[in-house]
Amino acid sequence: MRLAFLRWHILNYANLDGDKWWLKVDDNLVTWRSQFKTEVALSAAFSSTYNEDKEKFGDPASSGIKVVEVQKLDGWQTTLNAHARNVVPAASNSTKRKRTDE
């Protein structure tokens, strides 16, 4: 699902490069988190994006590439996955300056 979300951004924001593209991804994640108020609603949005991706590019299960079972993931990946869902988006009135291309 994560790759489908990123591929959607690649297709829809191909004109952005580098940091601007990643900032757009971040902005859309913040928008989704505020738009979809519950974990169920957010999960449904990601599932919808994934299903659209499968229709357009094919089912990854049919690709012949084997996916690593969760139990066999390296410890760092398991830790990252466990904590990623707990990240709180930055406040829109943050005093931190925005990144710029200089």
Protein backbone atom coordinates (compact mmCIF):
# COMPACT_ATOMS: atom_id res chain seq x y z
CA MET A 1 0.00 0.00 0.00
CA ARG A 2 2.85 2.37 0.75
CA LEU A 3 4.29 1.91 -2.72
CA ALA A 4 0.87 2.44 -4.32
CA PHE A 5 0.55 5.72 -2.40
CA LEU A 6 4.00 6.82 -3.59
CA ARG A 7 3.35 5.69 -7.18
CA TRP A 8 0.13 7.75 -7.18
CA HIS A 9 2.23 10.79 -6.28
CA ILE A 10 4.80 9.97 -8.96
CA LEU A 11 2.05 9.91 -11.57
CA ASN A 12 0.19 12.98 -10.33
CA TYR A 13 3.12 15.20 -9.37
CA ALA A 14 5.72 14.26 -11.96
CA ASN A 15 6.49 17.95 -12.46
CA LEU A 16 7.88 18.24 -8.92
CA ASP A 17 11.39 17.11 -8.21
CA GLY A 18 13.48 16.33 -5.17
CA ASP A 19 12.42 17.92 -1.93
CA LYS A 20 9.33 19.55 -3.47
CA TRP A 21 7.96 16.12 -4.37
CA TRP A 22 8.57 14.77 -0.87
CA LEU A 23 7.00 17.88 0.66
CA LYS A 24 3.89 17.21 -1.45
CA VAL A 25 3.80 13.61 -0.19
CA ASP A 26 4.10 14.91 3.39
CA ASP A 27 1.37 17.50 2.81
CA ASN A 28 -0.98 14.87 1.43
CA LEU A 29 -0.31 12.56 4.36
CA VAL A 30 -1.24 15.38 6.74
CA THR A 31 -4.36 16.10 4.68
CA TRP A 32 -5.40 12.44 4.72
CA ARG A 33 -4.86 12.21 8.48
CA SER A 34 -7.15 15.19 9.06
CA GLN A 35 -9.67 14.22 6.37
CA PHE A 36 -10.06 10.59 7.49
CA LYS A 37 -10.77 10.92 11.21
CA THR A 38 -10.58 7.25 12.19
CA GLU A 39 -8.02 4.53 11.58
CA VAL A 40 -10.69 2.58 9.71
CA ALA A 41 -11.39 5.49 7.34
CA LEU A 42 -7.69 6.10 6.75
CA SER A 43 -7.09 2.42 6.11
CA ALA A 44 -9.99 2.38 3.63
CA ALA A 45 -8.43 5.31 1.75
CA PHE A 46 -5.09 3.51 1.49
CA SER A 47 -6.88 0.30 0.44
CA SER A 48 -8.74 2.18 -2.29
CA THR A 49 -5.47 3.65 -3.60
CA TYR A 50 -3.90 0.18 -3.52
CA ASN A 51 -6.83 -1.40 -5.37
CA GLU A 52 -6.70 1.29 -8.07
CA ASP A 53 -2.96 0.67 -8.38
CA LYS A 54 -3.56 -3.08 -8.79
CA GLU A 55 -6.10 -2.44 -11.55
CA LYS A 56 -3.72 -0.14 -13.40
CA PHE A 57 -0.41 -1.96 -12.90
CA GLY A 58 -1.41 -5.50 -11.97
CA ASP A 59 -1.51 -7.48 -8.76
CA PRO A 60 1.91 -7.69 -7.11
CA ALA A 61 1.08 -11.25 -6.04
CA SER A 62 1.17 -12.21 -9.73
CA SER A 63 4.60 -10.67 -10.33
CA GLY A 64 6.62 -13.67 -9.18
CA ILE A 65 8.46 -11.55 -6.63
CA LYS A 66 8.32 -13.10 -3.17
CA VAL A 67 7.39 -10.87 -0.26
CA VAL A 68 9.18 -11.37 3.03
CA GLU A 69 6.93 -12.64 5.80
CA VAL A 70 6.52 -10.21 8.69
CA GLN A 71 8.07 -12.72 11.10
CA LYS A 72 11.26 -12.76 9.01
CA LEU A 73 11.76 -8.99 8.83
CA ASP A 74 14.89 -7.55 10.34
CA GLY A 75 14.40 -6.05 13.78
CA TRP A 76 14.87 -2.46 12.62
CA GLN A 77 12.07 -2.82 10.04
CA THR A 78 9.68 -4.26 12.61
CA THR A 79 10.50 -1.42 14.99
CA LEU A 80 10.02 1.17 12.24
CA ASN A 81 6.64 -0.30 11.28
CA ALA A 82 5.50 -0.36 14.90
CA HIS A 83 6.41 3.28 15.55
CA ALA A 84 5.50 4.82 12.18
CA ARG A 85 1.80 4.76 12.98
CA ASN A 86 2.44 6.81 16.13
CA VAL A 87 4.06 9.78 14.39
CA VAL A 88 2.13 12.97 15.09
CA PRO A 89 1.97 15.40 12.17
CA ALA A 90 3.64 18.76 12.68
CA ALA A 91 1.45 21.63 13.74
CA SER A 92 0.57 23.92 10.85
CA ASN A 93 1.66 26.90 12.93
CA SER A 94 5.09 25.44 13.57
CA THR A 95 7.92 27.90 14.14
CA LYS A 96 10.28 25.67 12.18
CA ARG A 97 11.15 27.24 8.86
CA LYS A 98 10.13 25.45 5.68
CA ARG A 99 12.73 23.77 3.53
CA THR A 100 13.70 25.71 0.43
CA ASP A 101 15.85 25.07 -2.58
CA GLU A 102 18.74 27.47 -2.51
